[in-house]
């Protein structure tokens, strides 16, 4: 992947003694400010100029002040994401980002549909058309599908979104890029955290973590569990999360490891026709109940990255591996999928983009994926006759 340099130019000219003052309709000269205008001008001169905090985005491969980015980018930091840690979907940490829409039916067997400026479609096992990266590891598979079961909302620290054709540089997802960063380790040598959220429809979220930062580096362990009965019948979900990360300095180089895992089990109540909907909105479709539709599975991914200075540049390398297994009963079949994917990336770029006259980042990325898929006839929720045995 090659990140092209971006250049932005701005030119403001004022010509003549009266430039910048409003003109009277039909008159060639500037209008003299009235008394009310003088008050406004005086109040503006006397007002206090407040410097806003600088926002830096990293989704494009190098830290860039958001005002200097030559593409449409947005970022929600901890002030937004911390309010979403009790939520049930990405719609909360992505709140108020222009051009981004998250459709959530609160059906954990189906997940969410994410669109960026209209790009993004639901697929059988996730979302297609939008590339999602979690802590530097793609949550989007090489075939373009994105699955987010392994992401615990309680750990999100920030989200960044790129909404322009520049997203095509990230591979098989030209609609947009969403980069998610989980919370970093605490500054103290040892810190323990816990969180409990309860709500209606059997909602219970439990989270706990331990981490710290020392002179040698930092570390973080996180565990969580989500239980949800759902508003409708046959709508329950149970997710168990685990995440770990460590970062250390080896001389001038920086080394980092990350790991995410989830095991989940969710039921799918299906859609109701109008006749059943009028009778009971909380009911499940009878065929879905009879065939025990839903999804259960395990998802694990791990990544390692190294950054080190090379002359006046920074060389970064990273590798990742993804393992996913799921069992998906749907009318009229049962799908069993075993998925393995992995990739590597190497890049070289300017060490200090904020001070360089020309900031650039050049790199190469490759990924591979293998799917083993079995389809069985659905016999009251149990595997029947084998109808498909496919390797991709």
Protein backbone atom coordinates (compact mmCIF):
# COMPACT_ATOMS: atom_id res chain seq x y z
CA UNK A 1 0.00 0.00 0.00
CA UNK A 2 1.37 3.39 -0.98
CA UNK A 3 0.23 6.51 0.79
CA UNK A 4 0.63 9.52 -1.56
CA UNK A 5 1.81 12.85 -0.17
CA UNK A 6 -0.93 15.40 0.26
CA UNK A 7 -0.52 19.10 -0.45
CA UNK A 8 -3.03 21.79 0.42
CA UNK A 9 -2.75 25.44 -0.66
CA UNK A 10 -4.79 28.40 0.53
CA UNK A 11 -4.56 32.01 -0.70
CA UNK A 12 -6.46 35.01 0.65
CA UNK A 13 -6.14 38.41 -1.06
CA UNK A 14 -7.48 41.81 0.05
CA UNK A 15 -7.32 44.56 -2.58
CA UNK A 16 -8.15 48.22 -1.97
CA UNK A 17 -8.69 50.24 1.14
CA UNK A 18 -12.29 49.21 1.47
CA UNK A 19 -11.79 45.47 0.85
CA UNK A 20 -13.69 43.20 3.17
CA UNK A 21 -16.46 45.74 4.00
CA UNK A 22 -20.01 45.09 2.78
CA UNK A 23 -21.17 47.04 -0.27
CA UNK A 24 -24.39 49.00 -0.52
CA UNK A 25 -26.74 47.62 -3.15
CA UNK A 26 -26.15 49.61 -6.33
CA UNK A 27 -23.33 51.67 -4.81
CA UNK A 28 -19.66 51.42 -5.83
CA UNK A 29 -18.15 52.36 -2.48
CA UNK A 30 -17.98 50.66 0.90
CA UNK A 31 -20.81 51.29 3.34
CA UNK A 32 -19.86 53.05 6.56
CA UNK A 33 -20.73 50.85 9.57
CA UNK A 34 -23.74 52.07 11.53
CA UNK A 35 -23.76 52.35 15.31
CA UNK A 36 -24.97 48.81 15.74
CA UNK A 37 -22.17 47.61 13.46
CA UNK A 38 -19.60 49.48 15.55
CA UNK A 39 -20.82 47.67 18.64
CA UNK A 40 -20.45 44.33 16.91
CA UNK A 41 -16.94 45.15 15.68
CA UNK A 42 -15.93 46.30 19.16
CA UNK A 43 -17.26 43.16 20.80
CA UNK A 44 -15.38 40.98 18.32
CA UNK A 45 -12.14 42.84 19.01
CA UNK A 46 -12.61 42.48 22.76
CA UNK A 47 -13.56 38.77 22.64
CA UNK A 48 -11.21 36.08 23.88
CA UNK A 49 -9.76 33.74 21.27
CA UNK A 50 -9.83 30.17 22.51
CA UNK A 51 -7.37 27.69 21.06
CA UNK A 52 -9.04 24.31 20.49
CA UNK A 53 -7.19 21.09 21.15
CA UNK A 54 -5.43 19.68 18.11
CA UNK A 55 -7.03 16.56 16.62
CA UNK A 56 -4.62 14.08 15.04
CA UNK A 57 -5.79 11.17 12.87
CA UNK A 58 -3.66 8.08 12.22
CA UNK A 59 -6.00 6.00 10.04
CA UNK A 60 -4.17 7.07 6.87
CA UNK A 61 -0.89 5.53 8.00
CA UNK A 62 0.83 8.51 9.62
CA UNK A 63 -0.18 11.03 12.30
CA UNK A 64 -1.79 13.99 10.52
CA UNK A 65 -3.52 17.06 12.00
CA UNK A 66 -7.13 16.74 10.88
CA UNK A 67 -7.11 20.27 9.44
CA UNK A 68 -4.19 19.35 7.15
CA UNK A 69 -5.69 16.12 5.83
CA UNK A 70 -6.42 16.20 2.09
CA UNK A 71 -9.42 13.91 2.56
CA UNK A 72 -12.63 13.81 4.59
CA UNK A 73 -11.74 12.41 8.02
CA UNK A 74 -13.38 12.47 11.43
CA UNK A 75 -12.50 11.25 14.89
CA UNK A 76 -14.46 10.50 18.04
CA UNK A 77 -12.25 10.44 21.12
CA UNK A 78 -12.74 9.25 24.69
CA UNK A 79 -15.27 12.00 25.45
CA UNK A 80 -17.69 10.21 23.08
CA UNK A 81 -16.63 6.58 23.29
CA UNK A 82 -16.69 6.40 27.09
CA UNK A 83 -20.37 7.30 27.05
CA UNK A 84 -20.94 4.37 24.67
CA UNK A 85 -19.35 1.64 26.76
CA UNK A 86 -22.72 0.52 28.07
CA UNK A 87 -24.13 0.33 24.56
CA UNK A 88 -24.99 -2.57 22.33
CA UNK A 89 -23.69 -1.37 18.97
CA UNK A 90 -21.12 0.65 17.04
CA UNK A 91 -23.76 3.31 16.40
CA UNK A 92 -22.83 4.84 19.78
CA UNK A 93 -19.03 5.31 19.44
CA UNK A 94 -19.64 6.43 15.82
CA UNK A 95 -22.24 8.95 16.97
CA UNK A 96 -22.54 12.18 14.93
CA UNK A 97 -19.79 11.37 12.41
CA UNK A 98 -21.06 12.76 9.10
CA UNK A 99 -21.66 10.25 6.33
CA UNK A 100 -21.66 7.21 8.61
CA UNK A 101 -24.81 5.20 9.30
CA UNK A 102 -25.08 2.10 11.50
CA UNK A 103 -28.30 0.08 11.26
CA UNK A 104 -28.76 -2.09 14.34
CA UNK A 105 -31.68 -4.45 14.95
CA UNK A 106 -30.07 -5.60 18.23
CA UNK A 107 -29.92 -9.09 16.79
CA UNK A 108 -26.50 -10.45 17.72
CA UNK A 109 -26.90 -13.36 15.32
CA UNK A 110 -26.98 -10.91 12.40
CA UNK A 111 -24.85 -8.01 13.61
CA UNK A 112 -24.95 -4.46 12.29
CA UNK A 113 -24.95 -2.90 8.85
CA UNK A 114 -22.42 -0.10 8.44
CA UNK A 115 -22.51 2.33 5.52
CA UNK A 116 -20.12 5.18 4.74
CA UNK A 117 -21.58 7.64 2.24
CA UNK A 118 -23.82 4.86 0.95
CA UNK A 119 -21.11 2.20 0.63
CA UNK A 120 -21.59 -0.91 2.72
CA UNK A 121 -23.86 -3.94 2.44
CA UNK A 122 -24.94 -6.75 4.74
CA UNK A 123 -23.46 -10.14 3.91
CA UNK A 124 -24.07 -13.58 5.33
CA UNK A 125 -21.22 -13.31 7.84
CA UNK A 126 -20.75 -9.56 8.30
CA UNK A 127 -20.50 -6.33 6.32
CA UNK A 128 -18.96 -5.74 2.89
CA UNK A 129 -17.72 -2.49 1.36
CA UNK A 130 -16.22 -0.81 4.46
CA UNK A 131 -12.80 -1.67 5.84
CA UNK A 132 -12.47 -1.83 9.63
CA UNK A 133 -9.15 -1.95 11.48
CA UNK A 134 -8.90 -2.73 15.21
CA UNK A 135 -5.61 -1.86 16.91
CA UNK A 136 -3.80 -2.12 13.59
CA UNK A 137 -5.23 -5.57 12.78
CA UNK A 138 -7.80 -5.71 9.95
CA UNK A 139 -11.24 -6.87 11.06
CA UNK A 140 -12.00 -7.01 7.32
CA UNK A 141 -11.03 -10.32 5.77
CA UNK A 142 -9.09 -10.44 2.47
CA UNK A 143 -12.38 -11.26 0.65
CA UNK A 144 -13.84 -7.93 1.82
CA UNK A 145 -16.16 -9.15 4.59
CA UNK A 146 -15.99 -7.51 8.00
CA UNK A 147 -16.95 -9.22 11.24
CA UNK A 148 -17.04 -7.34 14.53
CA UNK A 149 -18.08 -10.01 17.04
CA UNK A 150 -14.69 -9.86 18.75
CA UNK A 151 -14.90 -6.14 19.52
CA UNK A 152 -15.99 -5.37 23.09
CA UNK A 153 -17.53 -1.89 23.10
CA UNK A 154 -16.32 -1.41 26.65
CA UNK A 155 -12.70 -1.24 25.48
CA UNK A 156 -13.00 1.35 22.68
CA UNK A 157 -10.91 4.48 23.22
CA UNK A 158 -11.32 6.20 19.84
CA UNK A 159 -12.68 5.70 16.32
CA UNK A 160 -11.49 7.36 13.12
CA UNK A 161 -13.28 7.40 9.78
CA UNK A 162 -12.04 8.15 6.26
CA UNK A 163 -14.91 8.92 3.89
CA UNK A 164 -13.25 9.58 0.52
CA UNK A 165 -11.97 7.55 -2.45
CA UNK A 166 -8.61 7.50 -0.64
CA UNK A 167 -10.08 4.53 1.24
CA UNK A 168 -9.45 2.47 -1.90
CA UNK A 169 -5.74 2.48 -0.98
CA UNK A 170 -6.55 0.23 1.97
CA UNK A 171 -7.57 -2.66 -0.25
CA UNK A 172 -10.85 -4.44 -0.86
CA UNK A 173 -13.12 -1.78 0.66
CA UNK A 174 -13.48 1.37 -1.40
CA UNK A 175 -16.40 2.75 0.57
CA UNK A 176 -14.55 3.95 3.66
CA UNK A 177 -12.20 3.07 6.48
CA UNK A 178 -13.03 2.83 10.19
CA UNK A 179 -10.02 2.57 12.49
CA UNK A 180 -10.80 1.55 16.07
CA UNK A 181 -8.35 1.94 18.95
CA UNK A 182 -8.93 0.24 22.27
CA UNK A 183 -8.03 1.89 25.57
CA UNK A 184 -4.28 1.99 26.32
CA UNK A 185 -2.78 0.61 29.53
CA UNK A 186 -3.04 2.83 32.63
CA UNK A 187 -0.15 5.13 33.51
CA UNK A 188 0.31 3.53 36.95
CA UNK A 189 2.52 0.43 37.38
CA UNK A 190 -0.55 -1.58 38.41
CA UNK A 191 -4.20 -0.66 38.06
CA UNK A 192 -7.35 -2.78 38.33
CA UNK A 193 -10.67 -1.76 36.83
CA UNK A 194 -14.17 -3.22 36.83
CA UNK A 195 -17.53 -2.23 35.40
CA UNK A 196 -21.06 -3.57 35.70
CA UNK A 197 -24.00 -2.50 33.56
CA UNK A 198 -27.54 -3.84 33.90
CA UNK A 199 -30.69 -2.99 32.03
CA UNK A 200 -34.04 -4.17 30.75
CA UNK A 201 -34.59 -7.32 28.67
CA UNK A 202 -32.00 -9.21 30.71
CA UNK A 203 -29.07 -6.94 29.83
CA UNK A 204 -25.99 -7.66 31.94
CA UNK A 205 -22.49 -6.51 30.97
CA UNK A 206 -19.53 -7.35 33.21
CA UNK A 207 -16.03 -6.10 32.48
CA UNK A 208 -12.74 -6.24 34.31
CA UNK A 209 -9.14 -5.46 33.54
CA UNK A 210 -5.65 -5.17 34.92
CA UNK A 211 -2.77 -3.27 33.39
CA UNK A 212 0.05 -0.86 33.95
CA UNK A 213 3.01 1.04 32.60
CA UNK A 214 6.61 0.73 33.74
CA UNK A 215 9.99 1.84 32.44
CA UNK A 216 10.28 -1.42 30.49
CA UNK A 217 6.92 -1.03 28.73
CA UNK A 218 3.19 -1.50 29.29
CA UNK A 219 0.68 -4.33 29.48
CA UNK A 220 -3.08 -4.82 29.61
CA UNK A 221 -5.45 -7.74 30.22
CA UNK A 222 -9.20 -7.42 29.73
CA UNK A 223 -12.11 -9.81 30.17
CA UNK A 224 -15.80 -9.19 29.65
CA UNK A 225 -19.13 -10.92 29.34
CA UNK A 226 -22.40 -9.77 27.80
CA UNK A 227 -25.72 -11.49 28.52
CA UNK A 228 -28.89 -10.28 26.82
CA UNK A 229 -32.32 -11.94 26.70
CA UNK A 230 -33.58 -9.60 24.00
CA UNK A 231 -36.85 -7.75 23.49
CA UNK A 232 -38.32 -10.64 21.50
CA UNK A 233 -38.55 -14.36 22.05
CA UNK A 234 -35.70 -16.49 20.67
CA UNK A 235 -33.48 -13.38 20.74
CA UNK A 236 -30.94 -14.05 23.49
CA UNK A 237 -27.17 -13.54 23.21
CA UNK A 238 -24.15 -14.50 25.27
CA UNK A 239 -20.70 -13.10 24.43
CA UNK A 240 -17.48 -13.76 26.33
CA UNK A 241 -14.51 -11.52 25.54
CA UNK A 242 -10.80 -11.60 26.28
CA UNK A 243 -8.10 -9.20 25.13
CA UNK A 244 -4.42 -8.74 25.94
CA UNK A 245 -1.71 -6.40 24.81
CA UNK A 246 1.86 -5.49 25.61
CA UNK A 247 4.32 -2.92 24.38
CA UNK A 248 8.03 -2.68 25.14
CA UNK A 249 11.05 -0.75 23.96
CA UNK A 250 13.99 -2.78 22.70
CA UNK A 251 16.68 -0.16 22.35
CA UNK A 252 15.55 2.30 19.67
CA UNK A 253 12.84 -0.08 18.49
CA UNK A 254 9.30 -0.42 19.80
CA UNK A 255 7.65 -3.85 19.92
CA UNK A 256 3.93 -4.52 20.45
CA UNK A 257 1.68 -7.59 20.72
CA UNK A 258 -2.14 -7.65 20.68
CA UNK A 259 -4.69 -10.44 21.05
CA UNK A 260 -8.49 -10.47 20.88
CA UNK A 261 -10.84 -13.41 21.40
CA UNK A 262 -14.59 -13.91 21.66
CA UNK A 263 -16.85 -16.92 21.99
CA UNK A 264 -20.50 -16.19 21.37
CA UNK A 265 -23.92 -17.78 21.05
CA UNK A 266 -26.90 -15.82 19.70
CA UNK A 267 -30.41 -16.72 18.55
CA UNK A 268 -32.23 -15.19 15.58
CA UNK A 269 -36.02 -14.57 15.94
CA UNK A 270 -36.45 -13.68 12.26
CA UNK A 271 -38.85 -11.21 10.67
CA UNK A 272 -42.58 -11.25 11.35
CA UNK A 273 -45.34 -10.91 8.74
CA UNK A 274 -47.90 -8.20 9.41
CA UNK A 275 -50.50 -10.65 10.73
CA UNK A 276 -48.17 -11.93 13.47
CA UNK A 277 -46.71 -8.50 14.18
CA UNK A 278 -50.15 -7.09 15.02
CA UNK A 279 -50.81 -10.00 17.36
CA UNK A 280 -47.52 -9.94 19.33
CA UNK A 281 -44.51 -7.74 18.53
CA UNK A 282 -42.24 -9.72 20.83
CA UNK A 283 -42.90 -13.10 19.21
CA UNK A 284 -40.38 -14.99 17.08
CA UNK A 285 -41.15 -16.40 13.64
CA UNK A 286 -42.35 -19.98 14.27
CA UNK A 287 -40.07 -21.54 11.61
CA UNK A 288 -36.99 -19.88 13.18
CA UNK A 289 -37.86 -21.37 16.54
CA UNK A 290 -38.50 -24.84 15.06
CA UNK A 291 -35.17 -24.81 13.20
CA UNK A 292 -33.24 -23.15 16.06
CA UNK A 293 -31.84 -20.38 13.87
CA UNK A 294 -28.93 -18.39 15.24
CA UNK A 295 -25.16 -18.29 15.25
CA UNK A 296 -22.49 -19.53 17.62
CA UNK A 297 -18.76 -19.37 17.13
CA UNK A 298 -15.28 -18.48 18.24
CA UNK A 299 -13.08 -15.74 16.82
CA UNK A 300 -9.43 -15.14 17.69
CA UNK A 301 -6.89 -12.77 16.20
CA UNK A 302 -3.34 -11.85 17.14
CA UNK A 303 -0.86 -9.34 15.80
CA UNK A 304 2.72 -8.24 16.30
CA UNK A 305 4.36 -5.01 15.17
CA UNK A 306 7.83 -3.48 15.32
CA UNK A 307 8.80 0.13 14.69
CA UNK A 308 12.39 1.35 14.56
CA UNK A 309 14.18 4.42 13.22
CA UNK A 310 16.25 4.05 10.08
CA UNK A 311 18.32 7.18 9.52
CA UNK A 312 15.72 9.98 9.54
CA UNK A 313 12.84 7.63 8.71
CA UNK A 314 10.68 5.08 10.53
CA UNK A 315 10.48 1.46 9.42
CA UNK A 316 7.33 -0.36 10.58
CA UNK A 317 6.54 -4.03 10.11
CA UNK A 318 3.52 -5.99 11.31
CA UNK A 319 2.01 -9.44 10.96
CA UNK A 320 -1.40 -10.76 12.03
CA UNK A 321 -3.36 -14.01 12.12
CA UNK A 322 -7.13 -14.61 12.34
CA UNK A 323 -8.93 -17.85 13.20
CA UNK A 324 -12.74 -18.12 13.09
CA UNK A 325 -15.17 -21.02 13.47
CA UNK A 326 -18.94 -20.75 13.44
CA UNK A 327 -22.10 -22.80 13.35
CA UNK A 328 -25.00 -21.00 11.66
CA UNK A 329 -28.43 -22.72 11.51
CA UNK A 330 -30.72 -20.91 9.07
CA UNK A 331 -33.83 -22.05 7.17
CA UNK A 332 -33.42 -24.49 5.50
CA UNK A 333 -29.78 -25.40 6.16
CA UNK A 334 -26.98 -25.39 8.71
CA UNK A 335 -23.69 -23.74 7.74
CA UNK A 336 -20.45 -24.71 9.43
CA UNK A 337 -17.50 -22.51 8.53
CA UNK A 338 -13.84 -22.72 9.45
CA UNK A 339 -11.87 -19.64 8.43
CA UNK A 340 -8.17 -18.83 8.61
CA UNK A 341 -6.59 -15.58 7.47
CA UNK A 342 -3.36 -13.70 7.93
CA UNK A 343 -1.25 -10.95 6.50
CA UNK A 344 1.86 -8.83 6.76
CA UNK A 345 2.69 -5.19 6.19
CA UNK A 346 5.92 -3.21 5.92
CA UNK A 347 6.18 0.55 5.52
CA UNK A 348 8.80 3.27 5.51
CA UNK A 349 7.97 6.91 6.11
CA UNK A 350 9.06 10.23 7.49
CA UNK A 351 9.87 10.17 11.18
CA UNK A 352 8.16 13.44 12.13
CA UNK A 353 5.34 14.22 9.77
CA UNK A 354 4.39 17.39 11.65
CA UNK A 355 7.78 19.03 11.08
CA UNK A 356 8.71 17.65 7.66
CA UNK A 357 8.18 19.84 4.61
CA UNK A 358 7.01 16.75 2.74
CA UNK A 359 5.48 13.88 4.72
CA UNK A 360 5.29 10.53 2.99
CA UNK A 361 4.70 6.90 3.78
CA UNK A 362 5.31 4.01 1.37
CA UNK A 363 4.52 0.41 2.10
CA UNK A 364 3.54 -3.05 0.93
CA UNK A 365 0.80 -5.26 2.32
CA UNK A 366 -0.34 -8.79 1.53
CA UNK A 367 -3.04 -11.05 2.95
CA UNK A 368 -4.32 -14.59 2.45
CA UNK A 369 -7.54 -16.36 3.47
CA UNK A 370 -8.77 -19.95 3.48
CA UNK A 371 -12.36 -21.05 4.10
CA UNK A 372 -13.66 -24.57 4.63
CA UNK A 373 -17.45 -24.60 4.41
CA UNK A 374 -19.95 -27.38 5.02
CA UNK A 375 -23.70 -27.07 4.42
CA UNK A 376 -26.17 -29.51 5.94
CA UNK A 377 -29.91 -29.80 5.71
CA UNK A 378 -31.55 -28.27 8.79
CA UNK A 379 -33.56 -30.98 10.55
CA UNK A 380 -35.16 -29.24 13.55
CA UNK A 381 -31.86 -27.52 14.35
CA UNK A 382 -29.69 -30.64 13.87
CA UNK A 383 -27.40 -31.33 10.87
CA UNK A 384 -29.01 -33.57 8.28
CA UNK A 385 -27.77 -34.54 4.83
CA UNK A 386 -24.51 -32.93 3.66
CA UNK A 387 -25.33 -30.68 0.69
CA UNK A 388 -22.07 -28.73 0.22
CA UNK A 389 -18.40 -29.36 0.96
CA UNK A 390 -16.40 -26.41 -0.31
CA UNK A 391 -12.86 -25.06 0.14
CA UNK A 392 -11.97 -21.52 -0.90
